[in-house]
Amino acid sequence: MQTYSTQFTLTREYLAECFDQSLPHGKNAKSNYFVPAFFFVVGSGLLNFTDQPEIAGWMLIALGVLEVLHIRYRRAWWLARQMWGASANSEVTLTINDEGIRTQSSFVQTSLLWIDIVRVIETNLGHLLVDKAGGQQYLSKSLLPADLMDEMVALHQS
C-alpha cells in the first residue's frame, strides 16, 4: 500500500459528520426511553402513594426530565463538548501506510494498526473502522482518494 498523508481541520461540520455517520453503528444507536420513564413512574409513585418526603419524588421526576433532554439533545451536547475542547479547529495530519492509520495534531496522537481492525463499515460519507476493543474511528471519504479507500477495504477483507 502506498503511503498517503493529508491534513484537515477539525471543524464543527467535520465533527457533525463524524457523529451522524457513527451514531447508527454505535452502542447507543437507538434512544432508550426506559430509564426516564422509570424515573417518572417511581417519582410519581413516591409522590402519590407514600408518606415519604416529597423531595425524593420530585428529584426522580427531575432526573427523568434531565434524561429525556440528554437523549433529545445528545448530538448538540456532543458537538458543544468537542468544540469546547482544545483540539477544536486544530490542524490534524492523517497518515495511512502499510502499518495502519495515524492521526496527529498538536494535542493528540493516535495510531490504529491494520491487524487491530476487525470490521470496516461503509457509510454514506465515509468508513467506520472498528478495532478489537470495540473502539471506532471514522474516516471521511472527502479526505481520501477513492482508490485508497477501495484498497483499505480490500486489505481488510483479505
N, C-alpha and C. Protein backbone atom coordinates (compact mmCIF):
# COMPACT_ATOMS: atom_id res chain seq x y z
N MET A 1 0.85 -1.17 0.00
CA MET A 1 0.00 0.00 0.00
C MET A 1 0.89 1.24 0.00
N GLN A 2 0.50 2.20 -0.77
CA GLN A 2 1.24 3.46 -0.82
C GLN A 2 1.02 4.25 0.47
N THR A 3 1.97 5.07 0.81
CA THR A 3 1.80 5.94 1.96
C THR A 3 1.07 7.19 1.50
N TYR A 4 0.02 7.52 2.24
CA TYR A 4 -0.80 8.68 1.90
C TYR A 4 -0.87 9.57 3.13
N SER A 5 -0.73 10.84 2.94
CA SER A 5 -0.81 11.79 4.04
C SER A 5 -1.61 13.01 3.60
N THR A 6 -2.43 13.50 4.50
CA THR A 6 -3.22 14.70 4.23
C THR A 6 -3.44 15.45 5.53
N GLN A 7 -3.84 16.69 5.41
CA GLN A 7 -4.16 17.50 6.58
C GLN A 7 -5.59 18.01 6.44
N PHE A 8 -6.26 18.13 7.59
CA PHE A 8 -7.60 18.69 7.62
C PHE A 8 -7.81 19.38 8.95
N THR A 9 -8.85 20.17 9.02
CA THR A 9 -9.17 20.92 10.24
C THR A 9 -10.38 20.29 10.91
N LEU A 10 -10.32 20.16 12.22
CA LEU A 10 -11.44 19.62 12.99
C LEU A 10 -12.50 20.72 13.18
N THR A 11 -13.27 20.94 12.13
CA THR A 11 -14.32 21.95 12.16
C THR A 11 -15.60 21.36 12.75
N ARG A 12 -16.54 22.23 13.04
CA ARG A 12 -17.83 21.78 13.54
C ARG A 12 -18.52 20.89 12.51
N GLU A 13 -18.41 21.23 11.24
CA GLU A 13 -19.04 20.44 10.18
C GLU A 13 -18.44 19.04 10.10
N TYR A 14 -17.11 18.95 10.21
CA TYR A 14 -16.47 17.64 10.16
C TYR A 14 -16.89 16.79 11.37
N LEU A 15 -16.89 17.39 12.54
CA LEU A 15 -17.29 16.66 13.75
C LEU A 15 -18.76 16.24 13.68
N ALA A 16 -19.62 17.08 13.11
CA ALA A 16 -21.03 16.71 12.95
C ALA A 16 -21.16 15.51 12.02
N GLU A 17 -20.35 15.50 10.95
CA GLU A 17 -20.36 14.35 10.04
C GLU A 17 -19.92 13.09 10.77
N CYS A 18 -18.88 13.19 11.59
CA CYS A 18 -18.41 12.05 12.37
C CYS A 18 -19.52 11.51 13.27
N PHE A 19 -20.21 12.39 13.97
CA PHE A 19 -21.28 11.97 14.86
C PHE A 19 -22.41 11.31 14.08
N ASP A 20 -22.86 11.97 13.03
CA ASP A 20 -24.01 11.47 12.27
C ASP A 20 -23.73 10.13 11.61
N GLN A 21 -22.53 9.94 11.11
CA GLN A 21 -22.20 8.70 10.42
C GLN A 21 -21.88 7.56 11.38
N SER A 22 -21.42 7.89 12.59
CA SER A 22 -21.07 6.87 13.57
C SER A 22 -22.25 6.43 14.43
N LEU A 23 -23.19 7.31 14.67
CA LEU A 23 -24.29 7.02 15.60
C LEU A 23 -25.07 5.74 15.26
N PRO A 24 -25.46 5.50 14.01
CA PRO A 24 -26.25 4.29 13.75
C PRO A 24 -25.50 2.99 14.03
N HIS A 25 -24.18 3.06 14.15
CA HIS A 25 -23.37 1.85 14.35
C HIS A 25 -22.78 1.77 15.75
N GLY A 26 -23.16 2.71 16.62
CA GLY A 26 -22.61 2.74 17.97
C GLY A 26 -23.44 1.93 18.95
N LYS A 27 -22.98 1.95 20.19
CA LYS A 27 -23.65 1.18 21.25
C LYS A 27 -25.02 1.74 21.58
N ASN A 28 -25.18 3.05 21.46
CA ASN A 28 -26.45 3.70 21.81
C ASN A 28 -27.16 4.23 20.57
N ALA A 29 -27.25 3.38 19.55
CA ALA A 29 -27.85 3.81 18.29
C ALA A 29 -29.33 4.15 18.46
N LYS A 30 -30.03 3.38 19.25
CA LYS A 30 -31.46 3.64 19.48
C LYS A 30 -31.63 4.37 20.80
N SER A 31 -32.53 5.32 20.80
CA SER A 31 -32.82 6.06 22.03
C SER A 31 -33.54 5.14 23.00
N ASN A 32 -33.09 5.13 24.24
CA ASN A 32 -33.69 4.29 25.26
C ASN A 32 -34.47 5.16 26.24
N TYR A 33 -35.78 5.14 26.10
CA TYR A 33 -36.63 5.95 26.95
C TYR A 33 -37.11 5.18 28.19
N PHE A 34 -36.59 3.97 28.40
CA PHE A 34 -36.98 3.19 29.55
C PHE A 34 -36.55 3.87 30.86
N VAL A 35 -35.32 4.34 30.91
CA VAL A 35 -34.79 4.95 32.13
C VAL A 35 -35.59 6.19 32.54
N PRO A 36 -35.83 7.16 31.62
CA PRO A 36 -36.62 8.31 32.07
C PRO A 36 -38.05 7.92 32.44
N ALA A 37 -38.63 6.96 31.73
CA ALA A 37 -39.99 6.52 32.08
C ALA A 37 -39.99 5.89 33.47
N PHE A 38 -38.97 5.12 33.76
CA PHE A 38 -38.84 4.50 35.09
C PHE A 38 -38.77 5.58 36.18
N PHE A 39 -37.94 6.61 35.94
CA PHE A 39 -37.82 7.70 36.91
C PHE A 39 -39.16 8.41 37.11
N PHE A 40 -39.89 8.66 36.01
CA PHE A 40 -41.20 9.31 36.12
C PHE A 40 -42.18 8.47 36.93
N VAL A 41 -42.24 7.18 36.63
CA VAL A 41 -43.19 6.29 37.31
C VAL A 41 -42.86 6.17 38.79
N VAL A 42 -41.59 5.93 39.10
CA VAL A 42 -41.22 5.78 40.51
C VAL A 42 -41.40 7.10 41.25
N GLY A 43 -40.99 8.21 40.62
CA GLY A 43 -41.18 9.52 41.26
C GLY A 43 -42.64 9.84 41.51
N SER A 44 -43.47 9.57 40.51
CA SER A 44 -44.92 9.80 40.68
C SER A 44 -45.49 8.89 41.74
N GLY A 45 -45.04 7.65 41.77
CA GLY A 45 -45.49 6.71 42.81
C GLY A 45 -45.13 7.18 44.20
N LEU A 46 -43.90 7.68 44.34
CA LEU A 46 -43.49 8.21 45.66
C LEU A 46 -44.35 9.41 46.07
N LEU A 47 -44.67 10.26 45.11
CA LEU A 47 -45.48 11.45 45.43
C LEU A 47 -46.92 11.08 45.78
N ASN A 48 -47.50 10.11 45.07
CA ASN A 48 -48.92 9.82 45.20
C ASN A 48 -49.27 8.72 46.20
N PHE A 49 -48.36 7.76 46.41
CA PHE A 49 -48.75 6.58 47.18
C PHE A 49 -47.95 6.35 48.45
N THR A 50 -47.06 7.24 48.81
CA THR A 50 -46.29 7.04 50.05
C THR A 50 -46.33 8.31 50.89
N ASP A 51 -45.90 8.15 52.11
CA ASP A 51 -45.82 9.28 53.02
C ASP A 51 -44.39 9.81 53.10
N GLN A 52 -43.56 9.42 52.17
CA GLN A 52 -42.18 9.88 52.15
C GLN A 52 -42.14 11.38 51.88
N PRO A 53 -41.06 12.04 52.27
CA PRO A 53 -40.93 13.46 51.93
C PRO A 53 -40.97 13.63 50.40
N GLU A 54 -41.59 14.69 49.96
CA GLU A 54 -41.80 14.90 48.53
C GLU A 54 -40.51 15.10 47.74
N ILE A 55 -39.44 15.45 48.41
CA ILE A 55 -38.20 15.75 47.70
C ILE A 55 -37.70 14.56 46.89
N ALA A 56 -37.84 13.35 47.40
CA ALA A 56 -37.37 12.16 46.68
C ALA A 56 -38.16 11.98 45.39
N GLY A 57 -39.46 12.14 45.44
CA GLY A 57 -40.29 12.01 44.25
C GLY A 57 -39.96 13.05 43.20
N TRP A 58 -39.86 14.30 43.65
CA TRP A 58 -39.55 15.38 42.71
C TRP A 58 -38.13 15.22 42.14
N MET A 59 -37.22 14.71 42.93
CA MET A 59 -35.86 14.51 42.45
C MET A 59 -35.84 13.45 41.34
N LEU A 60 -36.58 12.37 41.52
CA LEU A 60 -36.64 11.33 40.49
C LEU A 60 -37.31 11.85 39.22
N ILE A 61 -38.36 12.64 39.36
CA ILE A 61 -39.01 13.22 38.19
C ILE A 61 -38.04 14.16 37.47
N ALA A 62 -37.30 14.96 38.23
CA ALA A 62 -36.31 15.87 37.63
C ALA A 62 -35.22 15.08 36.90
N LEU A 63 -34.80 13.96 37.46
CA LEU A 63 -33.81 13.11 36.78
C LEU A 63 -34.38 12.55 35.48
N GLY A 64 -35.66 12.20 35.49
CA GLY A 64 -36.32 11.74 34.27
C GLY A 64 -36.33 12.81 33.20
N VAL A 65 -36.65 14.06 33.59
CA VAL A 65 -36.65 15.18 32.64
C VAL A 65 -35.24 15.40 32.11
N LEU A 66 -34.26 15.36 32.98
CA LEU A 66 -32.87 15.54 32.57
C LEU A 66 -32.44 14.46 31.58
N GLU A 67 -32.85 13.23 31.82
CA GLU A 67 -32.50 12.13 30.93
C GLU A 67 -33.18 12.28 29.56
N VAL A 68 -34.42 12.74 29.53
CA VAL A 68 -35.10 12.99 28.25
C VAL A 68 -34.37 14.08 27.47
N LEU A 69 -33.97 15.15 28.16
CA LEU A 69 -33.21 16.22 27.50
C LEU A 69 -31.88 15.69 26.97
N HIS A 70 -31.22 14.82 27.74
CA HIS A 70 -29.96 14.22 27.30
C HIS A 70 -30.16 13.41 26.02
N ILE A 71 -31.22 12.64 25.96
CA ILE A 71 -31.49 11.83 24.78
C ILE A 71 -31.82 12.73 23.59
N ARG A 72 -32.66 13.72 23.81
CA ARG A 72 -33.12 14.59 22.73
C ARG A 72 -32.00 15.45 22.14
N TYR A 73 -31.12 15.95 22.99
CA TYR A 73 -30.09 16.88 22.55
C TYR A 73 -28.68 16.29 22.60
N ARG A 74 -28.55 14.97 22.46
CA ARG A 74 -27.22 14.36 22.59
C ARG A 74 -26.27 14.79 21.49
N ARG A 75 -26.77 14.99 20.27
CA ARG A 75 -25.90 15.44 19.18
C ARG A 75 -25.37 16.85 19.47
N ALA A 76 -26.26 17.76 19.82
CA ALA A 76 -25.86 19.13 20.10
C ALA A 76 -24.90 19.19 21.30
N TRP A 77 -25.17 18.40 22.33
CA TRP A 77 -24.31 18.39 23.50
C TRP A 77 -22.94 17.82 23.17
N TRP A 78 -22.91 16.73 22.38
CA TRP A 78 -21.63 16.14 21.98
C TRP A 78 -20.81 17.13 21.16
N LEU A 79 -21.46 17.79 20.19
CA LEU A 79 -20.75 18.77 19.37
C LEU A 79 -20.25 19.94 20.20
N ALA A 80 -21.05 20.40 21.15
CA ALA A 80 -20.62 21.51 22.01
C ALA A 80 -19.39 21.11 22.81
N ARG A 81 -19.40 19.90 23.36
CA ARG A 81 -18.24 19.43 24.14
C ARG A 81 -16.99 19.34 23.26
N GLN A 82 -17.15 18.88 22.02
CA GLN A 82 -16.00 18.79 21.12
C GLN A 82 -15.47 20.18 20.77
N MET A 83 -16.37 21.12 20.55
CA MET A 83 -15.94 22.47 20.18
C MET A 83 -15.33 23.22 21.36
N TRP A 84 -15.69 22.87 22.58
CA TRP A 84 -15.08 23.48 23.76
C TRP A 84 -13.69 22.92 24.01
N GLY A 85 -13.41 21.73 23.44
CA GLY A 85 -12.13 21.07 23.67
C GLY A 85 -10.98 21.81 22.99
N ALA A 86 -9.79 21.51 23.45
CA ALA A 86 -8.59 22.18 22.93
C ALA A 86 -8.32 21.84 21.47
N SER A 87 -8.75 20.68 21.02
CA SER A 87 -8.44 20.27 19.65
C SER A 87 -9.41 20.83 18.61
N ALA A 88 -10.44 21.54 19.03
CA ALA A 88 -11.40 22.12 18.08
C ALA A 88 -10.68 23.11 17.17
N ASN A 89 -11.01 23.05 15.90
CA ASN A 89 -10.45 23.93 14.87
C ASN A 89 -8.92 23.81 14.74
N SER A 90 -8.36 22.70 15.16
CA SER A 90 -6.92 22.49 15.01
C SER A 90 -6.64 21.67 13.75
N GLU A 91 -5.43 21.77 13.28
CA GLU A 91 -4.99 21.00 12.12
C GLU A 91 -4.62 19.59 12.54
N VAL A 92 -5.09 18.61 11.77
CA VAL A 92 -4.80 17.20 12.03
C VAL A 92 -4.12 16.63 10.79
N THR A 93 -3.05 15.89 11.02
CA THR A 93 -2.37 15.20 9.93
C THR A 93 -2.77 13.73 9.97
N LEU A 94 -3.30 13.25 8.87
CA LEU A 94 -3.73 11.86 8.72
C LEU A 94 -2.74 11.15 7.82
N THR A 95 -2.16 10.06 8.30
CA THR A 95 -1.21 9.28 7.52
C THR A 95 -1.68 7.84 7.46
N ILE A 96 -1.74 7.30 6.25
CA ILE A 96 -2.14 5.91 6.05
C ILE A 96 -0.98 5.22 5.33
N ASN A 97 -0.53 4.08 5.91
CA ASN A 97 0.56 3.32 5.28
C ASN A 97 0.33 1.83 5.51
N ASP A 98 1.37 1.03 5.27
CA ASP A 98 1.25 -0.43 5.40
C ASP A 98 0.95 -0.88 6.82
N GLU A 99 1.35 -0.10 7.80
CA GLU A 99 1.14 -0.49 9.19
C GLU A 99 -0.27 -0.18 9.67
N GLY A 100 -0.82 0.96 9.25
CA GLY A 100 -2.14 1.34 9.70
C GLY A 100 -2.43 2.81 9.45
N ILE A 101 -3.21 3.39 10.34
CA ILE A 101 -3.66 4.77 10.21
C ILE A 101 -3.17 5.54 11.43
N ARG A 102 -2.55 6.68 11.17
CA ARG A 102 -2.05 7.52 12.26
C ARG A 102 -2.62 8.92 12.11
N THR A 103 -3.13 9.46 13.20
CA THR A 103 -3.58 10.85 13.21
C THR A 103 -2.73 11.59 14.23
N GLN A 104 -2.38 12.81 13.87
CA GLN A 104 -1.50 13.59 14.73
C GLN A 104 -1.91 15.05 14.68
N SER A 105 -2.07 15.62 15.87
CA SER A 105 -2.30 17.06 15.98
C SER A 105 -1.41 17.57 17.10
N SER A 106 -1.48 18.83 17.38
CA SER A 106 -0.66 19.37 18.46
C SER A 106 -1.15 18.91 19.83
N PHE A 107 -2.34 18.28 19.89
CA PHE A 107 -2.90 17.85 21.16
C PHE A 107 -2.95 16.34 21.33
N VAL A 108 -3.11 15.59 20.23
CA VAL A 108 -3.34 14.15 20.32
C VAL A 108 -2.59 13.42 19.21
N GLN A 109 -2.09 12.24 19.55
CA GLN A 109 -1.53 11.34 18.55
C GLN A 109 -2.21 9.99 18.74
N THR A 110 -2.81 9.47 17.68
CA THR A 110 -3.42 8.15 17.75
C THR A 110 -2.89 7.29 16.62
N SER A 111 -2.93 6.00 16.86
CA SER A 111 -2.46 5.05 15.86
C SER A 111 -3.39 3.85 15.88
N LEU A 112 -3.83 3.43 14.72
CA LEU A 112 -4.69 2.25 14.60
C LEU A 112 -4.04 1.32 13.58
N LEU A 113 -3.59 0.17 14.05
CA LEU A 113 -2.91 -0.78 13.18
C LEU A 113 -3.93 -1.61 12.41
N TRP A 114 -3.54 -2.02 11.20
CA TRP A 114 -4.45 -2.82 10.37
C TRP A 114 -4.82 -4.12 11.07
N ILE A 115 -3.87 -4.72 11.79
CA ILE A 115 -4.16 -6.00 12.44
C ILE A 115 -5.16 -5.86 13.58
N ASP A 116 -5.34 -4.65 14.10
CA ASP A 116 -6.29 -4.41 15.18
C ASP A 116 -7.71 -4.12 14.67
N ILE A 117 -7.86 -3.89 13.39
CA ILE A 117 -9.18 -3.58 12.83
C ILE A 117 -9.92 -4.88 12.57
N VAL A 118 -11.10 -5.01 13.16
CA VAL A 118 -11.89 -6.23 12.98
C VAL A 118 -13.03 -6.04 11.98
N ARG A 119 -13.40 -4.78 11.73
CA ARG A 119 -14.52 -4.54 10.82
C ARG A 119 -14.41 -3.16 10.21
N VAL A 120 -14.76 -3.06 8.94
CA VAL A 120 -14.85 -1.78 8.25
C VAL A 120 -16.29 -1.62 7.79
N ILE A 121 -16.94 -0.57 8.26
CA ILE A 121 -18.33 -0.31 7.91
C ILE A 121 -18.36 0.90 6.99
N GLU A 122 -18.92 0.71 5.80
CA GLU A 122 -19.04 1.83 4.87
C GLU A 122 -20.33 2.58 5.16
N THR A 123 -20.22 3.89 5.29
CA THR A 123 -21.38 4.74 5.48
C THR A 123 -21.55 5.59 4.22
N ASN A 124 -22.55 6.43 4.20
CA ASN A 124 -22.78 7.27 3.03
C ASN A 124 -21.62 8.22 2.75
N LEU A 125 -20.99 8.72 3.81
CA LEU A 125 -19.97 9.75 3.65
C LEU A 125 -18.57 9.32 4.05
N GLY A 126 -18.39 8.07 4.48
CA GLY A 126 -17.06 7.63 4.89
C GLY A 126 -17.03 6.18 5.30
N HIS A 127 -16.00 5.86 6.08
CA HIS A 127 -15.83 4.50 6.59
C HIS A 127 -15.62 4.56 8.09
N LEU A 128 -16.21 3.60 8.77
CA LEU A 128 -16.09 3.47 10.21
C LEU A 128 -15.22 2.24 10.47
N LEU A 129 -14.07 2.45 11.13
CA LEU A 129 -13.15 1.36 11.43
C LEU A 129 -13.35 0.94 12.87
N VAL A 130 -13.64 -0.35 13.09
CA VAL A 130 -13.90 -0.87 14.42
C VAL A 130 -12.72 -1.73 14.83
N ASP A 131 -12.14 -1.43 16.00
CA ASP A 131 -10.98 -2.20 16.44
C ASP A 131 -11.39 -3.32 17.40
N LYS A 132 -10.43 -4.12 17.81
CA LYS A 132 -10.68 -5.29 18.66
C LYS A 132 -11.34 -4.93 19.98
N ALA A 133 -11.02 -3.77 20.51
CA ALA A 133 -11.58 -3.34 21.80
C ALA A 133 -12.97 -2.74 21.65
N GLY A 134 -13.46 -2.61 20.43
CA GLY A 134 -14.78 -2.04 20.20
C GLY A 134 -14.76 -0.56 19.90
N GLY A 135 -13.58 0.06 19.93
CA GLY A 135 -13.46 1.47 19.60
C GLY A 135 -13.72 1.72 18.13
N GLN A 136 -14.17 2.90 17.81
CA GLN A 136 -14.48 3.25 16.43
C GLN A 136 -13.72 4.50 16.02
N GLN A 137 -13.24 4.48 14.79
CA GLN A 137 -12.60 5.65 14.21
C GLN A 137 -13.25 5.90 12.86
N TYR A 138 -13.68 7.12 12.63
CA TYR A 138 -14.37 7.48 11.40
C TYR A 138 -13.41 8.18 10.45
N LEU A 139 -13.44 7.78 9.19
CA LEU A 139 -12.67 8.43 8.13
C LEU A 139 -13.63 8.91 7.06
N SER A 140 -13.62 10.19 6.81
CA SER A 140 -14.49 10.77 5.80
C SER A 140 -13.95 10.47 4.41
N LYS A 141 -14.85 10.18 3.48
CA LYS A 141 -14.45 9.96 2.09
C LYS A 141 -13.88 11.22 1.47
N SER A 142 -14.25 12.37 2.02
CA SER A 142 -13.75 13.63 1.47
C SER A 142 -12.25 13.82 1.72
N LEU A 143 -11.70 13.07 2.66
CA LEU A 143 -10.28 13.20 2.98
C LEU A 143 -9.38 12.33 2.10
N LEU A 144 -9.94 11.29 1.52
CA LEU A 144 -9.12 10.28 0.85
C LEU A 144 -9.55 10.07 -0.60
N PRO A 145 -8.59 9.74 -1.47
CA PRO A 145 -8.96 9.37 -2.84
C PRO A 145 -9.73 8.05 -2.84
N ALA A 146 -10.63 7.90 -3.79
CA ALA A 146 -11.49 6.71 -3.85
C ALA A 146 -10.69 5.42 -3.97
N ASP A 147 -9.60 5.43 -4.76
CA ASP A 147 -8.82 4.21 -4.93
C ASP A 147 -8.15 3.78 -3.62
N LEU A 148 -7.77 4.73 -2.79
CA LEU A 148 -7.17 4.39 -1.50
C LEU A 148 -8.21 3.78 -0.57
N MET A 149 -9.41 4.31 -0.58
CA MET A 149 -10.49 3.75 0.24
C MET A 149 -10.78 2.32 -0.18
N ASP A 150 -10.83 2.07 -1.50
CA ASP A 150 -11.06 0.71 -2.00
C ASP A 150 -9.94 -0.22 -1.58
N GLU A 151 -8.70 0.27 -1.62
CA GLU A 151 -7.55 -0.52 -1.23
C GLU A 151 -7.60 -0.86 0.27
N MET A 152 -8.02 0.12 1.08
CA MET A 152 -8.14 -0.12 2.52
C MET A 152 -9.17 -1.21 2.80
N VAL A 153 -10.31 -1.13 2.17
CA VAL A 153 -11.37 -2.11 2.39
C VAL A 153 -10.90 -3.48 1.91
N ALA A 154 -10.26 -3.55 0.74
CA ALA A 154 -9.77 -4.81 0.19
C ALA A 154 -8.70 -5.41 1.12
N LEU A 155 -7.82 -4.58 1.65
CA LEU A 155 -6.75 -5.04 2.53
C LEU A 155 -7.36 -5.66 3.78
N HIS A 156 -8.40 -5.04 4.29
CA HIS A 156 -9.01 -5.57 5.50
C HIS A 156 -9.77 -6.86 5.25
N GLN A 157 -10.39 -6.99 4.10
CA GLN A 157 -11.19 -8.18 3.81
C GLN A 157 -10.36 -9.39 3.47
N SER A 158 -9.11 -9.19 3.07
CA SER A 158 -8.29 -10.35 2.69
C SER A 158 -7.67 -11.03 3.88
